[in-house]
Amino acid sequence: MTILFIVECVAKVTVEGFAFNGDSSYIKSNWNKIDFLIILVTSVTWIPYLNEIDSSIFKLIRMLRILRPLRMIQRF
């Protein structure tokens, strides 16, 4: 699922621009902000050294992954 969301993020950033293309920019949408944060944290936890660190902030942000299915449901 993470890889699909990364592909979606890259496609949206390519089409809409990341931050400086006005109101249609990728990062202007609240759902996209949450999605980008989850993708960023998930990608960082793939680094073996950082995965061993027991950080509560990583655990908290990983719990935000629950919002992904809600986001998919919201689209339909």
Foldseek 3Di string as FASTA:
>chain_A
DLVVLVVVLVVLCVVQNDPPNPCSHQCNDPVSVLSVLLSVLVVVCVPPVVVPDDDVVSVVSPVSVVCVVVVVVVVD
